[in-house]
């Protein structure tokens, strides 16, 4: 049987490490999502600028 008094500190450390690793991967996924959104916004701005130039040149 597991002695809870002896295992409190290692279990707590393991618990904290799990949260740190989970937080790292959640943060990485969030940064990837933000980077993708910035890239998409940049591409949309380029397309809009090209369309405006095309409309201006067609007059």
C-alpha atoms as a PDB file:
ATOM      1  CA  UNK A   1       0.000   0.000   0.000  1.00  0.00           C
ATOM      2  CA  UNK A   2       1.223   3.481  -0.817  1.00  0.00           C
ATOM      3  CA  UNK A   3       2.249   5.491   2.214  1.00  0.00           C
ATOM      4  CA  UNK A   4       0.536   8.854   1.647  1.00  0.00           C
ATOM      5  CA  UNK A   5       2.722  10.802   4.091  1.00  0.00           C
ATOM      6  CA  UNK A   6       5.927   9.797   2.298  1.00  0.00           C
ATOM      7  CA  UNK A   7       4.442  10.239  -1.167  1.00  0.00           C
ATOM      8  CA  UNK A   8       2.931  13.728  -0.692  1.00  0.00           C
ATOM      9  CA  UNK A   9       5.954  15.694  -1.928  1.00  0.00           C
ATOM     10  CA  UNK A  10       6.747  13.511  -4.982  1.00  0.00           C
ATOM     11  CA  UNK A  11       3.064  13.423  -5.947  1.00  0.00           C
ATOM     12  CA  UNK A  12       2.835  17.196  -5.630  1.00  0.00           C
ATOM     13  CA  UNK A  13       5.966  17.640  -7.756  1.00  0.00           C
ATOM     14  CA  UNK A  14       4.562  15.259 -10.374  1.00  0.00           C
ATOM     15  CA  UNK A  15       1.256  17.159 -10.337  1.00  0.00           C
ATOM     16  CA  UNK A  16       3.027  20.503 -10.824  1.00  0.00           C
ATOM     17  CA  UNK A  17       5.186  19.099 -13.627  1.00  0.00           C
ATOM     18  CA  UNK A  18       2.089  17.803 -15.418  1.00  0.00           C
ATOM     19  CA  UNK A  19       0.557  21.283 -15.299  1.00  0.00           C
ATOM     20  CA  UNK A  20       3.774  22.893 -16.527  1.00  0.00           C
ATOM     21  CA  UNK A  21       4.072  20.515 -19.469  1.00  0.00           C
ATOM     22  CA  UNK A  22       0.378  20.915 -20.274  1.00  0.00           C
ATOM     23  CA  UNK A  23       0.697  24.692 -20.072  1.00  0.00           C
ATOM     24  CA  UNK A  24       3.662  24.619 -22.406  1.00  0.00           C
ATOM     25  CA  UNK A  25       1.755  22.685 -25.066  1.00  0.00           C
ATOM     26  CA  UNK A  26      -1.358  24.838 -24.678  1.00  0.00           C
ATOM     27  CA  UNK A  27       0.794  27.957 -25.038  1.00  0.00           C
ATOM     28  CA  UNK A  28       2.487  26.536 -28.113  1.00  0.00           C
ATOM     29  CA  UNK A  29      -0.863  25.731 -29.714  1.00  0.00           C
ATOM     30  CA  UNK A  30      -2.094  29.254 -28.902  1.00  0.00           C
ATOM     31  CA  UNK A  31       1.015  30.853 -30.430  1.00  0.00           C
ATOM     32  CA  UNK A  32       0.632  28.720 -33.553  1.00  0.00           C
ATOM     33  CA  UNK A  33      -3.010  29.783 -33.847  1.00  0.00           C
ATOM     34  CA  UNK A  34      -2.091  33.465 -33.432  1.00  0.00           C
ATOM     35  CA  UNK A  35       0.677  33.172 -36.034  1.00  0.00           C
ATOM     36  CA  UNK A  36      -1.742  31.538 -38.466  1.00  0.00           C
ATOM     37  CA  UNK A  37      -4.310  34.292 -37.891  1.00  0.00           C
ATOM     38  CA  UNK A  38      -1.663  36.983 -38.507  1.00  0.00           C
ATOM     39  CA  UNK A  39      -0.542  35.265 -41.691  1.00  0.00           C
ATOM     40  CA  UNK A  40      -4.134  34.979 -42.921  1.00  0.00           C
ATOM     41  CA  UNK A  41      -4.801  38.661 -42.163  1.00  0.00           C
ATOM     42  CA  UNK A  42      -1.631  39.610 -44.035  1.00  0.00           C
ATOM     43  CA  UNK A  43      -2.683  37.563 -47.073  1.00  0.00           C
ATOM     44  CA  UNK A  44      -6.142  39.155 -47.009  1.00  0.00           C
ATOM     45  CA  UNK A  45      -4.578  42.624 -46.887  1.00  0.00           C
ATOM     46  CA  UNK A  46      -2.389  41.782 -49.894  1.00  0.00           C
ATOM     47  CA  UNK A  47      -5.402  40.533 -51.863  1.00  0.00           C
ATOM     48  CA  UNK A  48      -7.395  43.644 -50.942  1.00  0.00           C
ATOM     49  CA  UNK A  49      -4.544  45.932 -52.028  1.00  0.00           C
ATOM     50  CA  UNK A  50      -4.202  44.098 -55.355  1.00  0.00           C
ATOM     51  CA  UNK A  51      -7.940  44.339 -55.947  1.00  0.00           C
ATOM     52  CA  UNK A  52      -7.935  48.070 -55.190  1.00  0.00           C
ATOM     53  CA  UNK A  53      -4.992  48.627 -57.557  1.00  0.00           C
ATOM     54  CA  UNK A  54      -6.727  46.592 -60.251  1.00  0.00           C
ATOM     55  CA  UNK A  55      -9.944  48.625 -59.844  1.00  0.00           C
ATOM     56  CA  UNK A  56      -7.987  51.905 -59.926  1.00  0.00           C
ATOM     57  CA  UNK A  57      -6.060  50.862 -63.050  1.00  0.00           C
ATOM     58  CA  UNK A  58      -9.181  49.725 -64.890  1.00  0.00           C
ATOM     59  CA  UNK A  59     -10.689  53.237 -64.831  1.00  0.00           C
END
